Amino acid sequence: HSRRLVEHLGEDENGGVLRVSMVHYNTPEQVDR
């Protein structure tokens, strides 16, 4: 839902961007996984 920004950055091709959303109850081990 940040389409204008993604288009402005030229990152709208090939499925756009990947995004990982973490919070405090995630662990370093999960990042490694």
Full PDB file with SEQRES, HELIX, SHEET, SSBOND, CRYST1, ORIGX, SCALE, CONECT and MASTER records, all heavy atoms in Angstrom:
SEQRES   1 A   33  HIS SER ARG ARG LEU VAL GLU HIS LEU GLY GLU ASP GLU          
SEQRES   2 A   33  ASN GLY GLY VAL LEU ARG VAL SER MET VAL HIS TYR ASN          
SEQRES   3 A   33  THR PRO GLU GLN VAL ASP ARG                                  
HELIX    1 AA1 ARG A    3  HIS A    8  1                                   6    
HELIX    2 AA2 PRO A   28  ASP A   32  1                                   5    
CRYST1    1.000    1.000    1.000  90.00  90.00  90.00 P 1           1          
ORIGX1      1.000000  0.000000  0.000000        0.00000                         
ORIGX2      0.000000  1.000000  0.000000        0.00000                         
ORIGX3      0.000000  0.000000  1.000000        0.00000                         
SCALE1      1.000000  0.000000  0.000000        0.00000                         
SCALE2      0.000000  1.000000  0.000000        0.00000                         
SCALE3      0.000000  0.000000  1.000000        0.00000                         
ATOM      1  N   HIS A   1       0.807  -1.217   0.000  1.00  0.00           N  
ATOM      2  CA  HIS A   1       0.000   0.000   0.000  1.00  0.00           C  
ATOM      3  C   HIS A   1       0.848   1.280   0.000  1.00  0.00           C  
ATOM      4  O   HIS A   1       0.342   2.354   0.306  1.00  0.00           O  
ATOM      5  CB  HIS A   1      -0.994   0.022   1.168  1.00  0.00           C  
ATOM      6  CG  HIS A   1      -2.084  -1.003   1.024  1.00  0.00           C  
ATOM      7  ND1 HIS A   1      -1.972  -2.290   1.510  1.00  0.00           N  
ATOM      8  CD2 HIS A   1      -3.292  -0.944   0.426  1.00  0.00           C  
ATOM      9  CE1 HIS A   1      -3.065  -2.971   1.231  1.00  0.00           C  
ATOM     10  NE2 HIS A   1      -3.885  -2.184   0.563  1.00  0.00           N  
ATOM     11  N   SER A   2       2.114   1.152  -0.317  1.00  0.00           N  
ATOM     12  CA  SER A   2       2.976   2.326  -0.526  1.00  0.00           C  
ATOM     13  C   SER A   2       3.365   2.370  -1.997  1.00  0.00           C  
ATOM     14  O   SER A   2       4.546   2.443  -2.354  1.00  0.00           O  
ATOM     15  CB  SER A   2       4.224   2.239   0.363  1.00  0.00           C  
ATOM     16  OG  SER A   2       3.882   2.318   1.714  1.00  0.00           O  
ATOM     17  N   ARG A   3       2.358   2.319  -2.840  1.00  0.00           N  
ATOM     18  CA  ARG A   3       2.617   2.159  -4.274  1.00  0.00           C  
ATOM     19  C   ARG A   3       3.371   3.330  -4.878  1.00  0.00           C  
ATOM     20  O   ARG A   3       4.287   3.149  -5.685  1.00  0.00           O  
ATOM     21  CB  ARG A   3       1.288   1.951  -5.022  1.00  0.00           C  
ATOM     22  CG  ARG A   3       1.465   1.677  -6.510  1.00  0.00           C  
ATOM     23  CD  ARG A   3       0.196   1.135  -7.138  1.00  0.00           C  
ATOM     24  NE  ARG A   3      -0.169  -0.132  -6.511  1.00  0.00           N  
ATOM     25  CZ  ARG A   3      -1.266  -0.823  -6.834  1.00  0.00           C  
ATOM     26  NH1 ARG A   3      -2.096  -0.360  -7.745  1.00  0.00           N  
ATOM     27  NH2 ARG A   3      -1.542  -1.966  -6.231  1.00  0.00           N  
ATOM     28  N   ARG A   4       2.994   4.550  -4.485  1.00  0.00           N  
ATOM     29  CA  ARG A   4       3.697   5.708  -5.050  1.00  0.00           C  
ATOM     30  C   ARG A   4       5.183   5.657  -4.710  1.00  0.00           C  
ATOM     31  O   ARG A   4       6.031   5.971  -5.551  1.00  0.00           O  
ATOM     32  CB  ARG A   4       3.088   7.011  -4.531  1.00  0.00           C  
ATOM     33  CG  ARG A   4       1.730   7.349  -5.120  1.00  0.00           C  
ATOM     34  CD  ARG A   4       1.305   8.757  -4.716  1.00  0.00           C  
ATOM     35  NE  ARG A   4       0.005   9.113  -5.256  1.00  0.00           N  
ATOM     36  CZ  ARG A   4      -1.153   8.889  -4.640  1.00  0.00           C  
ATOM     37  NH1 ARG A   4      -1.162   8.299  -3.451  1.00  0.00           N  
ATOM     38  NH2 ARG A   4      -2.300   9.248  -5.186  1.00  0.00           N  
ATOM     39  N   LEU A   5       5.498   5.288  -3.483  1.00  0.00           N  
ATOM     40  CA  LEU A   5       6.898   5.221  -3.067  1.00  0.00           C  
ATOM     41  C   LEU A   5       7.640   4.130  -3.827  1.00  0.00           C  
ATOM     42  O   LEU A   5       8.739   4.359  -4.336  1.00  0.00           O  
ATOM     43  CB  LEU A   5       6.985   4.964  -1.566  1.00  0.00           C  
ATOM     44  CG  LEU A   5       8.388   4.726  -1.006  1.00  0.00           C  
ATOM     45  CD1 LEU A   5       9.281   5.937  -1.249  1.00  0.00           C  
ATOM     46  CD2 LEU A   5       8.325   4.391   0.478  1.00  0.00           C  
ATOM     47  N   VAL A   6       7.038   2.946  -3.910  1.00  0.00           N  
ATOM     48  CA  VAL A   6       7.693   1.836  -4.602  1.00  0.00           C  
ATOM     49  C   VAL A   6       7.891   2.167  -6.084  1.00  0.00           C  
ATOM     50  O   VAL A   6       8.953   1.877  -6.648  1.00  0.00           O  
ATOM     51  CB  VAL A   6       6.880   0.534  -4.412  1.00  0.00           C  
ATOM     52  CG1 VAL A   6       7.435  -0.584  -5.289  1.00  0.00           C  
ATOM     53  CG2 VAL A   6       6.906   0.114  -2.952  1.00  0.00           C  
ATOM     54  N   GLU A   7       6.908   2.798  -6.684  1.00  0.00           N  
ATOM     55  CA  GLU A   7       7.062   3.206  -8.085  1.00  0.00           C  
ATOM     56  C   GLU A   7       8.129   4.286  -8.227  1.00  0.00           C  
ATOM     57  O   GLU A   7       8.927   4.258  -9.176  1.00  0.00           O  
ATOM     58  CB  GLU A   7       5.717   3.701  -8.627  1.00  0.00           C  
ATOM     59  CG  GLU A   7       4.698   2.594  -8.819  1.00  0.00           C  
ATOM     60  CD  GLU A   7       3.346   3.111  -9.276  1.00  0.00           C  
ATOM     61  OE1 GLU A   7       3.115   4.344  -9.221  1.00  0.00           O  
ATOM     62  OE2 GLU A   7       2.508   2.289  -9.705  1.00  0.00           O  
ATOM     63  N   HIS A   8       8.149   5.237  -7.303  1.00  0.00           N  
ATOM     64  CA  HIS A   8       9.152   6.304  -7.342  1.00  0.00           C  
ATOM     65  C   HIS A   8      10.565   5.738  -7.217  1.00  0.00           C  
ATOM     66  O   HIS A   8      11.500   6.222  -7.871  1.00  0.00           O  
ATOM     67  CB  HIS A   8       8.897   7.300  -6.212  1.00  0.00           C  
ATOM     68  CG  HIS A   8       9.944   8.367  -6.097  1.00  0.00           C  
ATOM     69  ND1 HIS A   8      10.044   9.419  -6.981  1.00  0.00           N  
ATOM     70  CD2 HIS A   8      10.950   8.535  -5.189  1.00  0.00           C  
ATOM     71  CE1 HIS A   8      11.071  10.194  -6.630  1.00  0.00           C  
ATOM     72  NE2 HIS A   8      11.624   9.679  -5.550  1.00  0.00           N  
ATOM     73  N   LEU A   9      10.716   4.704  -6.426  1.00  0.00           N  
ATOM     74  CA  LEU A   9      12.026   4.074  -6.244  1.00  0.00           C  
ATOM     75  C   LEU A   9      12.380   3.147  -7.401  1.00  0.00           C  
ATOM     76  O   LEU A   9      13.512   2.655  -7.469  1.00  0.00           O  
ATOM     77  CB  LEU A   9      12.051   3.283  -4.933  1.00  0.00           C  
ATOM     78  CG  LEU A   9      11.909   4.095  -3.644  1.00  0.00           C  
ATOM     79  CD1 LEU A   9      11.782   3.161  -2.443  1.00  0.00           C  
ATOM     80  CD2 LEU A   9      13.097   5.039  -3.464  1.00  0.00           C  
ATOM     81  N   GLY A  10      11.423   2.910  -8.293  1.00  0.00           N  
ATOM     82  CA  GLY A  10      11.669   2.013  -9.415  1.00  0.00           C  
ATOM     83  C   GLY A  10      11.738   0.555  -9.014  1.00  0.00           C  
ATOM     84  O   GLY A  10      12.371  -0.262  -9.682  1.00  0.00           O  
ATOM     85  N   GLU A  11      11.049   0.206  -7.910  1.00  0.00           N  
ATOM     86  CA  GLU A  11      11.111  -1.152  -7.393  1.00  0.00           C  
ATOM     87  C   GLU A  11       9.798  -1.902  -7.599  1.00  0.00           C  
ATOM     88  O   GLU A  11       9.534  -2.902  -6.930  1.00  0.00           O  
ATOM     89  CB  GLU A  11      11.452  -1.125  -5.894  1.00  0.00           C  
ATOM     90  CG  GLU A  11      12.768  -0.468  -5.546  1.00  0.00           C  
ATOM     91  CD  GLU A  11      13.977  -1.277  -6.001  1.00  0.00           C  
ATOM     92  OE1 GLU A  11      13.793  -2.374  -6.562  1.00  0.00           O  
ATOM     93  OE2 GLU A  11      15.111  -0.805  -5.782  1.00  0.00           O  
ATOM     94  N   ASP A  12       8.970  -1.443  -8.518  1.00  0.00           N  
ATOM     95  CA  ASP A  12       7.661  -2.057  -8.720  1.00  0.00           C  
ATOM     96  C   ASP A  12       7.683  -3.223  -9.701  1.00  0.00           C  
ATOM     97  O   ASP A  12       6.669  -3.910  -9.872  1.00  0.00           O  
ATOM     98  CB  ASP A  12       6.642  -1.009  -9.186  1.00  0.00           C  
ATOM     99  CG  ASP A  12       7.132  -0.222 -10.404  1.00  0.00           C  
ATOM    100  OD1 ASP A  12       8.316   0.164 -10.416  1.00  0.00           O  
ATOM    101  OD2 ASP A  12       6.339   0.004 -11.330  1.00  0.00           O  
ATOM    102  N   GLU A  13       8.810  -3.473 -10.348  1.00  0.00           N  
ATOM    103  CA  GLU A  13       8.898  -4.589 -11.286  1.00  0.00           C  
ATOM    104  C   GLU A  13       9.172  -5.896 -10.539  1.00  0.00           C  
ATOM    105  O   GLU A  13       9.616  -5.902  -9.392  1.00  0.00           O  
ATOM    106  CB  GLU A  13      10.011  -4.332 -12.310  1.00  0.00           C  
ATOM    107  CG  GLU A  13       9.812  -3.070 -13.148  1.00  0.00           C  
ATOM    108  CD  GLU A  13       8.600  -3.148 -14.054  1.00  0.00           C  
ATOM    109  OE1 GLU A  13       8.260  -4.276 -14.479  1.00  0.00           O  
ATOM    110  OE2 GLU A  13       7.974  -2.101 -14.337  1.00  0.00           O  
ATOM    111  N   ASN A  14       8.907  -7.005 -11.220  1.00  0.00           N  
ATOM    112  CA  ASN A  14       9.216  -8.338 -10.675  1.00  0.00           C  
ATOM    113  C   ASN A  14       8.648  -8.548  -9.270  1.00  0.00           C  
ATOM    114  O   ASN A  14       9.339  -8.997  -8.352  1.00  0.00           O  
ATOM    115  CB  ASN A  14      10.733  -8.575 -10.654  1.00  0.00           C  
ATOM    116  CG  ASN A  14      11.325  -8.663 -12.047  1.00  0.00           C  
ATOM    117  OD1 ASN A  14      10.689  -9.148 -12.978  1.00  0.00           O  
ATOM    118  ND2 ASN A  14      12.540  -8.171 -12.205  1.00  0.00           N  
ATOM    119  N   GLY A  15       7.380  -8.212  -9.116  1.00  0.00           N  
ATOM    120  CA  GLY A  15       6.701  -8.505  -7.860  1.00  0.00           C  
ATOM    121  C   GLY A  15       6.920  -7.501  -6.753  1.00  0.00           C  
ATOM    122  O   GLY A  15       6.535  -7.748  -5.605  1.00  0.00           O  
ATOM    123  N   GLY A  16       7.551  -6.381  -7.068  1.00  0.00           N  
ATOM    124  CA  GLY A  16       7.783  -5.377  -6.035  1.00  0.00           C  
ATOM    125  C   GLY A  16       8.890  -5.800  -5.084  1.00  0.00           C  
ATOM    126  O   GLY A  16       9.865  -6.445  -5.477  1.00  0.00           O  
ATOM    127  N   VAL A  17       8.740  -5.456  -3.805  1.00  0.00           N  
ATOM    128  CA  VAL A  17       9.786  -5.733  -2.816  1.00  0.00           C  
ATOM    129  C   VAL A  17       9.342  -6.849  -1.880  1.00  0.00           C  
ATOM    130  O   VAL A  17       8.152  -7.118  -1.724  1.00  0.00           O  
ATOM    131  CB  VAL A  17      10.133  -4.470  -1.999  1.00  0.00           C  
ATOM    132  CG1 VAL A  17      10.557  -3.345  -2.925  1.00  0.00           C  
ATOM    133  CG2 VAL A  17       8.962  -4.033  -1.126  1.00  0.00           C  
ATOM    134  N   LEU A  18      10.311  -7.488  -1.265  1.00  0.00           N  
ATOM    135  CA  LEU A  18      10.055  -8.409  -0.166  1.00  0.00           C  
ATOM    136  C   LEU A  18      10.086  -7.617   1.132  1.00  0.00           C  
ATOM    137  O   LEU A  18      10.815  -6.633   1.245  1.00  0.00           O  
ATOM    138  CB  LEU A  18      11.127  -9.501  -0.124  1.00  0.00           C  
ATOM    139  CG  LEU A  18      11.133 -10.480  -1.289  1.00  0.00           C  
ATOM    140  CD1 LEU A  18      12.482 -11.161  -1.398  1.00  0.00           C  
ATOM    141  CD2 LEU A  18      10.022 -11.513  -1.121  1.00  0.00           C  
ATOM    142  N   ARG A  19       9.313  -8.060   2.120  1.00  0.00           N  
ATOM    143  CA  ARG A  19       9.340  -7.355   3.401  1.00  0.00           C  
ATOM    144  C   ARG A  19       9.229  -8.341   4.544  1.00  0.00           C  
ATOM    145  O   ARG A  19       8.378  -9.223   4.535  1.00  0.00           O  
ATOM    146  CB  ARG A  19       8.223  -6.319   3.499  1.00  0.00           C  
ATOM    147  CG  ARG A  19       8.402  -5.391   4.708  1.00  0.00           C  
ATOM    148  CD  ARG A  19       7.311  -4.326   4.773  1.00  0.00           C  
ATOM    149  NE  ARG A  19       6.037  -4.884   5.224  1.00  0.00           N  
ATOM    150  CZ  ARG A  19       4.944  -4.154   5.443  1.00  0.00           C  
ATOM    151  NH1 ARG A  19       4.972  -2.848   5.206  1.00  0.00           N  
ATOM    152  NH2 ARG A  19       3.827  -4.717   5.856  1.00  0.00           N  
ATOM    153  N   VAL A  20      10.112  -8.158   5.510  1.00  0.00           N  
ATOM    154  CA  VAL A  20      10.083  -8.943   6.738  1.00  0.00           C  
ATOM    155  C   VAL A  20       9.675  -8.013   7.876  1.00  0.00           C  
ATOM    156  O   VAL A  20      10.277  -6.958   8.059  1.00  0.00           O  
ATOM    157  CB  VAL A  20      11.466  -9.551   7.029  1.00  0.00           C  
ATOM    158  CG1 VAL A  20      11.474 -10.229   8.392  1.00  0.00           C  
ATOM    159  CG2 VAL A  20      11.846 -10.539   5.943  1.00  0.00           C  
ATOM    160  N   SER A  21       8.661  -8.410   8.630  1.00  0.00           N  
ATOM    161  CA  SER A  21       8.173  -7.589   9.738  1.00  0.00           C  
ATOM    162  C   SER A  21       8.352  -8.371  11.037  1.00  0.00           C  
ATOM    163  O   SER A  21       7.668  -9.375  11.264  1.00  0.00           O  
ATOM    164  CB  SER A  21       6.700  -7.233   9.538  1.00  0.00           C  
ATOM    165  OG  SER A  21       6.526  -6.472   8.363  1.00  0.00           O  
ATOM    166  N   MET A  22       9.269  -7.909  11.863  1.00  0.00           N  
ATOM    167  CA  MET A  22       9.559  -8.571  13.139  1.00  0.00           C  
ATOM    168  C   MET A  22       9.110  -7.680  14.295  1.00  0.00           C  
ATOM    169  O   MET A  22       8.956  -6.474  14.136  1.00  0.00           O  
ATOM    170  CB  MET A  22      11.056  -8.856  13.245  1.00  0.00           C  
ATOM    171  CG  MET A  22      11.592  -9.744  12.132  1.00  0.00           C  
ATOM    172  SD  MET A  22      13.377 -10.013  12.212  1.00  0.00           S  
ATOM    173  CE  MET A  22      14.006  -8.377  11.748  1.00  0.00           C  
ATOM    174  N   VAL A  23       8.916  -8.300  15.440  1.00  0.00           N  
ATOM    175  CA  VAL A  23       8.584  -7.568  16.660  1.00  0.00           C  
ATOM    176  C   VAL A  23       9.384  -8.170  17.810  1.00  0.00           C  
ATOM    177  O   VAL A  23      10.177  -9.098  17.615  1.00  0.00           O  
ATOM    178  CB  VAL A  23       7.072  -7.606  16.972  1.00  0.00           C  
ATOM    179  CG1 VAL A  23       6.290  -6.762  15.986  1.00  0.00           C  
ATOM    180  CG2 VAL A  23       6.552  -9.041  16.976  1.00  0.00           C  
ATOM    181  N   HIS A  24       9.149  -7.652  19.017  1.00  0.00           N  
ATOM    182  CA  HIS A  24      10.005  -7.988  20.146  1.00  0.00           C  
ATOM    183  C   HIS A  24       9.936  -9.442  20.581  1.00  0.00           C  
ATOM    184  O   HIS A  24      10.859  -9.936  21.226  1.00  0.00           O  
ATOM    185  CB  HIS A  24       9.658  -7.087  21.337  1.00  0.00           C  
ATOM    186  CG  HIS A  24       8.241  -7.238  21.805  1.00  0.00           C  
ATOM    187  ND1 HIS A  24       7.181  -6.658  21.128  1.00  0.00           N  
ATOM    188  CD2 HIS A  24       7.699  -7.902  22.867  1.00  0.00           C  
ATOM    189  CE1 HIS A  24       6.060  -6.952  21.759  1.00  0.00           C  
ATOM    190  NE2 HIS A  24       6.337  -7.708  22.804  1.00  0.00           N  
ATOM    191  N   TYR A  25       8.856 -10.146  20.268  1.00  0.00           N  
ATOM    192  CA  TYR A  25       8.787 -11.547  20.684  1.00  0.00           C  
ATOM    193  C   TYR A  25       9.383 -12.489  19.650  1.00  0.00           C  
ATOM    194  O   TYR A  25       9.339 -13.712  19.823  1.00  0.00           O  
ATOM    195  CB  TYR A  25       7.355 -11.965  21.055  1.00  0.00           C  
ATOM    196  CG  TYR A  25       6.289 -11.604  20.059  1.00  0.00           C  
ATOM    197  CD1 TYR A  25       6.152 -12.273  18.856  1.00  0.00           C  
ATOM    198  CD2 TYR A  25       5.385 -10.584  20.348  1.00  0.00           C  
ATOM    199  CE1 TYR A  25       5.154 -11.951  17.957  1.00  0.00           C  
ATOM    200  CE2 TYR A  25       4.379 -10.242  19.467  1.00  0.00           C  
ATOM    201  CZ  TYR A  25       4.268 -10.932  18.272  1.00  0.00           C  
ATOM    202  OH  TYR A  25       3.284 -10.599  17.376  1.00  0.00           O  
ATOM    203  N   ASN A  26       9.950 -11.947  18.582  1.00  0.00           N  
ATOM    204  CA  ASN A  26      10.776 -12.762  17.693  1.00  0.00           C  
ATOM    205  C   ASN A  26      12.156 -12.945  18.312  1.00  0.00           C  
ATOM    206  O   ASN A  26      12.558 -12.192  19.208  1.00  0.00           O  
ATOM    207  CB  ASN A  26      10.895 -12.121  16.313  1.00  0.00           C  
ATOM    208  CG  ASN A  26       9.586 -12.188  15.540  1.00  0.00           C  
ATOM    209  OD1 ASN A  26       9.040 -11.170  15.130  1.00  0.00           O  
ATOM    210  ND2 ASN A  26       9.061 -13.391  15.340  1.00  0.00           N  
ATOM    211  N   THR A  27      12.873 -13.943  17.833  1.00  0.00           N  
ATOM    212  CA  THR A  27      14.158 -14.300  18.428  1.00  0.00           C  
ATOM    213  C   THR A  27      15.270 -14.274  17.390  1.00  0.00           C  
ATOM    214  O   THR A  27      15.004 -14.395  16.180  1.00  0.00           O  
ATOM    215  CB  THR A  27      14.098 -15.707  19.038  1.00  0.00           C  
ATOM    216  OG1 THR A  27      13.903 -16.660  17.967  1.00  0.00           O  
ATOM    217  CG2 THR A  27      12.955 -15.828  20.036  1.00  0.00           C  
ATOM    218  N   PRO A  28      16.541 -14.138  17.819  1.00  0.00           N  
ATOM    219  CA  PRO A  28      17.661 -14.230  16.873  1.00  0.00           C  
ATOM    220  C   PRO A  28      17.668 -15.560  16.123  1.00  0.00           C  
ATOM    221  O   PRO A  28      18.042 -15.607  14.942  1.00  0.00           O  
ATOM    222  CB  PRO A  28      18.888 -14.088  17.783  1.00  0.00           C  
ATOM    223  CG  PRO A  28      18.395 -13.308  18.954  1.00  0.00           C  
ATOM    224  CD  PRO A  28      16.991 -13.770  19.178  1.00  0.00           C  
ATOM    225  N   GLU A  29      17.252 -16.627  16.807  1.00  0.00           N  
ATOM    226  CA  GLU A  29      17.211 -17.939  16.152  1.00  0.00           C  
ATOM    227  C   GLU A  29      16.218 -17.942  14.995  1.00  0.00           C  
ATOM    228  O   GLU A  29      16.453 -18.593  13.961  1.00  0.00           O  
ATOM    229  CB  GLU A  29      16.832 -19.018  17.169  1.00  0.00           C  
ATOM    230  CG  GLU A  29      17.894 -19.293  18.221  1.00  0.00           C  
ATOM    231  CD  GLU A  29      17.977 -18.224  19.290  1.00  0.00           C  
ATOM    232  OE1 GLU A  29      16.997 -17.448  19.444  1.00  0.00           O  
ATOM    233  OE2 GLU A  29      19.014 -18.156  19.989  1.00  0.00           O  
ATOM    234  N   GLN A  30      15.126 -17.224  15.133  1.00  0.00           N  
ATOM    235  CA  GLN A  30      14.156 -17.129  14.044  1.00  0.00           C  
ATOM    236  C   GLN A  30      14.720 -16.326  12.870  1.00  0.00           C  
ATOM    237  O   GLN A  30      14.428 -16.629  11.713  1.00  0.00           O  
ATOM    238  CB  GLN A  30      12.858 -16.503  14.553  1.00  0.00           C  
ATOM    239  CG  GLN A  30      12.066 -17.427  15.459  1.00  0.00           C  
ATOM    240  CD  GLN A  30      10.828 -16.771  16.035  1.00  0.00           C  
ATOM    241  OE1 GLN A  30      10.815 -15.576  16.328  1.00  0.00           O  
ATOM    242  NE2 GLN A  30       9.775 -17.545  16.220  1.00  0.00           N  
ATOM    243  N   VAL A  31      15.513 -15.303  13.171  1.00  0.00           N  
ATOM    244  CA  VAL A  31      16.168 -14.557  12.093  1.00  0.00           C  
ATOM    245  C   VAL A  31      17.115 -15.476  11.336  1.00  0.00           C  
ATOM    246  O   VAL A  31      17.169 -15.456  10.097  1.00  0.00           O  
ATOM    247  CB  VAL A  31      16.931 -13.339  12.646  1.00  0.00           C  
ATOM    248  CG1 VAL A  31      17.667 -12.614  11.524  1.00  0.00           C  
ATOM    249  CG2 VAL A  31      15.980 -12.384  13.347  1.00  0.00           C  
ATOM    250  N   ASP A  32      17.867 -16.298  12.056  1.00  0.00           N  
ATOM    251  CA  ASP A  32      18.784 -17.236  11.401  1.00  0.00           C  
ATOM    252  C   ASP A  32      18.022 -18.249  10.559  1.00  0.00           C  
ATOM    253  O   ASP A  32      18.464 -18.616   9.460  1.00  0.00           O  
ATOM    254  CB  ASP A  32      19.627 -17.956  12.452  1.00  0.00           C  
ATOM    255  CG  ASP A  32      20.602 -17.020  13.157  1.00  0.00           C  
ATOM    256  OD1 ASP A  32      20.865 -15.924  12.627  1.00  0.00           O  
ATOM    257  OD2 ASP A  32      21.081 -17.387  14.250  1.00  0.00           O  
ATOM    258  N   ARG A  33      16.896 -18.701  11.069  1.00  0.00           N  
ATOM    259  CA  ARG A  33      16.062 -19.629  10.296  1.00  0.00           C  
ATOM    260  C   ARG A  33      15.568 -18.959   9.014  1.00  0.00           C  
ATOM    261  O   ARG A  33      15.529 -19.586   7.950  1.00  0.00           O  
ATOM    262  CB  ARG A  33      14.888 -20.073  11.173  1.00  0.00           C  
ATOM    263  CG  ARG A  33      13.962 -21.074  10.516  1.00  0.00           C  
ATOM    264  CD  ARG A  33      12.843 -21.470  11.475  1.00  0.00           C  
ATOM    265  NE  ARG A  33      11.694 -21.980  10.747  1.00  0.00           N  
ATOM    266  CZ  ARG A  33      10.449 -21.904  11.181  1.00  0.00           C  
ATOM    267  NH1 ARG A  33      10.193 -21.320  12.338  1.00  0.00           N  
ATOM    268  NH2 ARG A  33       9.461 -22.400  10.472  1.00  0.00           N  
TER     269      ARG A  33                                                      
MASTER        0    0    0    2    0    0    0    6  268    1    0    3          
END                                                                             
